[in-house]
């Protein structure tokens, strides 16, 4: 089993990327979020990988973090979701948005992904929500970590649900410089405009 790949980014192709390592050029299917972080041809890359074996093909999928790989595997555990659809989910929504959509039961966000209909979105939520909650994914689903967890706590103390608070925080522009107070204030404005 190939669990990781280190080499030189040779080129980006429609199916993913080609990584040159040990004299071989290896095609690796990657989500767009990973492809964007890899750099330019000639740069070194280090990927966490999953080897999908079928009767007629071996396909290697690569991710920039173990969390992203873990989410990919969880998605593939859902009935009717194969590696291509799981990759499409991770290419359309970043791992934080995807986790948040599942935890908050946001079918509308999931159905924005090509190939995901209402029934598949419902199945994703039904089969993964409990697993992600048990794994502590609430903290993962909130970009900004501890500050967002504190903001969720502040908003829930004001009467909003965790789902409403998480959705409002996810809608904020990504910024590492926002204070807790600024995040809560902006989230309240977002909640008030709905």
Protein backbone atom coordinates (compact mmCIF):
# COMPACT_ATOMS: atom_id res chain seq x y z
CA UNK A 1 0.00 0.00 0.00
CA UNK A 2 1.36 3.42 -0.93
CA UNK A 3 0.63 5.80 1.99
CA UNK A 4 2.80 8.73 0.99
CA UNK A 5 4.66 10.17 -1.95
CA UNK A 6 7.61 12.54 -2.03
CA UNK A 7 9.00 13.82 -5.29
CA UNK A 8 9.14 16.65 -7.79
CA UNK A 9 6.04 18.16 -9.32
CA UNK A 10 6.48 17.55 -13.03
CA UNK A 11 3.21 19.01 -14.34
CA UNK A 12 -0.48 19.50 -13.71
CA UNK A 13 -2.81 17.60 -16.04
CA UNK A 14 -6.60 17.40 -16.35
CA UNK A 15 -6.73 14.28 -14.17
CA UNK A 16 -4.48 15.68 -11.43
CA UNK A 17 -0.71 16.02 -11.22
CA UNK A 18 2.35 14.08 -12.29
CA UNK A 19 5.00 13.57 -9.61
CA UNK A 20 8.49 12.46 -10.64
CA UNK A 21 10.10 10.17 -8.06
CA UNK A 22 12.67 7.39 -8.31
CA UNK A 23 12.76 7.66 -12.10
CA UNK A 24 8.98 7.25 -12.45
CA UNK A 25 6.31 9.78 -13.36
CA UNK A 26 3.28 8.98 -11.21
CA UNK A 27 -0.20 10.31 -11.95
CA UNK A 28 -1.85 11.43 -8.70
CA UNK A 29 -5.48 12.55 -8.55
CA UNK A 30 -5.71 15.53 -6.19
CA UNK A 31 -8.50 17.91 -5.11
CA UNK A 32 -8.19 21.47 -6.39
CA UNK A 33 -7.33 22.71 -2.88
CA UNK A 34 -4.24 20.47 -2.80
CA UNK A 35 -3.27 21.31 -6.38
CA UNK A 36 -3.36 25.03 -5.54
CA UNK A 37 -0.91 24.53 -2.63
CA UNK A 38 1.66 22.47 -4.51
CA UNK A 39 3.51 25.24 -6.27
CA UNK A 40 5.05 25.17 -9.73
CA UNK A 41 6.65 22.41 -11.80
CA UNK A 42 10.07 21.66 -10.37
CA UNK A 43 8.96 22.20 -6.76
CA UNK A 44 9.19 19.33 -4.30
CA UNK A 45 5.90 17.86 -3.11
CA UNK A 46 4.99 15.67 -0.18
CA UNK A 47 1.57 14.00 -0.31
CA UNK A 48 -0.49 11.70 1.89
CA UNK A 49 -1.93 9.12 -0.49
CA UNK A 50 -4.66 6.55 -0.93
CA UNK A 51 -4.32 3.75 -3.47
CA UNK A 52 -7.66 2.71 -4.95
CA UNK A 53 -7.54 -0.76 -6.48
CA UNK A 54 -10.07 -1.92 -9.05
CA UNK A 55 -10.07 -4.92 -11.31
CA UNK A 56 -9.07 -2.81 -14.30
CA UNK A 57 -7.11 0.06 -12.73
CA UNK A 58 -4.89 1.30 -9.93
CA UNK A 59 -5.54 4.96 -9.05
CA UNK A 60 -3.50 7.02 -6.61
CA UNK A 61 -5.17 9.92 -4.78
CA UNK A 62 -3.05 12.52 -2.99
CA UNK A 63 -3.74 15.10 -0.27
CA UNK A 64 -1.75 17.82 1.40
CA UNK A 65 -2.82 16.84 4.94
CA UNK A 66 -3.75 13.72 6.89
CA UNK A 67 -7.07 15.36 7.86
CA UNK A 68 -7.99 15.80 4.21
CA UNK A 69 -7.05 12.16 3.51
CA UNK A 70 -9.13 11.03 6.50
CA UNK A 71 -12.14 12.98 5.26
CA UNK A 72 -11.68 11.44 1.79
CA UNK A 73 -11.72 7.94 3.30
CA UNK A 74 -14.81 8.79 5.38
CA UNK A 75 -16.60 10.05 2.27
CA UNK A 76 -15.77 6.85 0.41
CA UNK A 77 -17.32 4.86 3.26
CA UNK A 78 -20.72 6.32 2.40
CA UNK A 79 -22.87 4.10 0.22
CA UNK A 80 -22.82 5.31 -3.39
CA UNK A 81 -19.76 7.57 -2.98
CA UNK A 82 -16.67 6.42 -4.84
CA UNK A 83 -13.26 8.06 -5.10
CA UNK A 84 -14.21 10.34 -8.01
CA UNK A 85 -17.25 11.73 -6.21
CA UNK A 86 -15.31 12.08 -2.94
CA UNK A 87 -12.60 13.98 -4.84
CA UNK A 88 -15.26 16.18 -6.45
CA UNK A 89 -16.63 17.01 -2.99
CA UNK A 90 -13.16 17.99 -1.75
CA UNK A 91 -12.47 19.99 -4.92
CA UNK A 92 -15.68 22.02 -4.72
CA UNK A 93 -15.75 22.54 -0.94
CA UNK A 94 -12.65 22.80 1.19
CA UNK A 95 -12.47 20.29 4.09
CA UNK A 96 -13.72 22.90 6.59
CA UNK A 97 -16.74 23.83 4.47
CA UNK A 98 -17.54 20.18 3.76
CA UNK A 99 -17.32 19.17 7.40
CA UNK A 100 -19.44 22.15 8.41
CA UNK A 101 -22.07 21.32 5.76
CA UNK A 102 -22.32 17.76 7.07
CA UNK A 103 -22.39 18.73 10.75
CA UNK A 104 -25.00 21.45 10.21
CA UNK A 105 -27.11 19.32 7.85
CA UNK A 106 -26.75 21.87 5.03
CA UNK A 107 -28.05 19.90 2.02
CA UNK A 108 -28.07 23.03 -0.15
CA UNK A 109 -24.31 23.46 0.19
CA UNK A 110 -23.69 19.79 -0.60
CA UNK A 111 -25.92 19.78 -3.68
CA UNK A 112 -23.76 22.55 -5.20
CA UNK A 113 -21.18 19.83 -5.86
CA UNK A 114 -21.46 18.28 -9.34
CA UNK A 115 -22.82 14.73 -9.01
CA UNK A 116 -24.43 15.28 -5.60
CA UNK A 117 -28.20 15.22 -5.58
CA UNK A 118 -30.59 15.65 -2.68
CA UNK A 119 -30.61 11.94 -1.77
CA UNK A 120 -26.83 11.64 -1.80
CA UNK A 121 -26.55 14.81 0.32
CA UNK A 122 -29.01 13.36 2.83
CA UNK A 123 -27.06 10.08 2.89
CA UNK A 124 -23.77 11.94 3.48
CA UNK A 125 -25.28 13.84 6.39
CA UNK A 126 -26.98 10.77 7.86
CA UNK A 127 -23.94 8.49 7.64
CA UNK A 128 -21.18 10.96 8.54
CA UNK A 129 -22.63 13.46 11.02
CA UNK A 130 -22.29 11.19 14.04
CA UNK A 131 -18.84 9.96 13.00
CA UNK A 132 -17.53 13.50 12.54
CA UNK A 133 -19.01 14.66 15.86
CA UNK A 134 -17.40 11.72 17.67
CA UNK A 135 -14.07 12.46 16.00
CA UNK A 136 -14.19 16.03 17.29
CA UNK A 137 -14.64 17.50 13.83
CA UNK A 138 -16.55 20.50 15.20
CA UNK A 139 -13.20 22.13 15.95
CA UNK A 140 -11.88 21.09 12.52
CA UNK A 141 -14.92 22.53 10.79
CA UNK A 142 -14.24 25.96 12.16
CA UNK A 143 -11.36 27.65 10.40
CA UNK A 144 -9.63 29.69 13.06
CA UNK A 145 -9.65 26.93 15.67
CA UNK A 146 -9.96 28.07 19.28
CA UNK A 147 -11.18 31.58 18.49
CA UNK A 148 -14.04 30.19 16.45
CA UNK A 149 -14.87 27.64 19.14
CA UNK A 150 -15.12 30.54 21.61
CA UNK A 151 -17.24 32.50 19.11
CA UNK A 152 -19.61 29.53 18.73
CA UNK A 153 -19.89 29.33 22.51
CA UNK A 154 -20.66 33.06 22.70
CA UNK A 155 -23.33 32.83 19.98
CA UNK A 156 -24.96 29.76 21.51
CA UNK A 157 -25.14 31.54 24.85
CA UNK A 158 -27.17 34.21 23.01
CA UNK A 159 -29.69 31.59 21.92
CA UNK A 160 -28.40 30.51 18.50
CA UNK A 161 -27.89 26.83 17.70
CA UNK A 162 -24.42 25.41 17.07
CA UNK A 163 -25.44 24.92 13.45
CA UNK A 164 -26.54 28.56 13.03
CA UNK A 165 -23.44 29.87 14.78
CA UNK A 166 -21.10 27.65 12.74
CA UNK A 167 -22.76 28.64 9.49
CA UNK A 168 -22.51 32.34 10.34
CA UNK A 169 -18.81 32.01 11.20
CA UNK A 170 -18.12 30.01 8.04
CA UNK A 171 -19.61 32.84 5.99
CA UNK A 172 -17.06 35.34 7.34
CA UNK A 173 -14.13 36.26 5.14
CA UNK A 174 -11.03 34.25 6.09
CA UNK A 175 -8.80 36.35 8.30
CA UNK A 176 -6.32 35.41 10.97
CA UNK A 177 -6.31 38.93 12.41
CA UNK A 178 -9.95 39.13 13.52
CA UNK A 179 -10.41 39.17 17.28
CA UNK A 180 -13.06 37.13 19.08
CA UNK A 181 -15.21 40.24 19.53
CA UNK A 182 -14.97 41.15 15.84
CA UNK A 183 -15.93 37.63 14.80
CA UNK A 184 -18.96 37.56 17.11
CA UNK A 185 -20.06 41.00 15.93
CA UNK A 186 -19.74 40.07 12.25
CA UNK A 187 -21.49 36.74 12.83
CA UNK A 188 -24.38 38.52 14.58
CA UNK A 189 -24.68 40.86 11.60
CA UNK A 190 -24.76 37.85 9.26
CA UNK A 191 -27.40 36.15 11.41
CA UNK A 192 -29.46 39.35 11.55
CA UNK A 193 -29.49 39.72 7.78
CA UNK A 194 -31.06 36.27 7.23
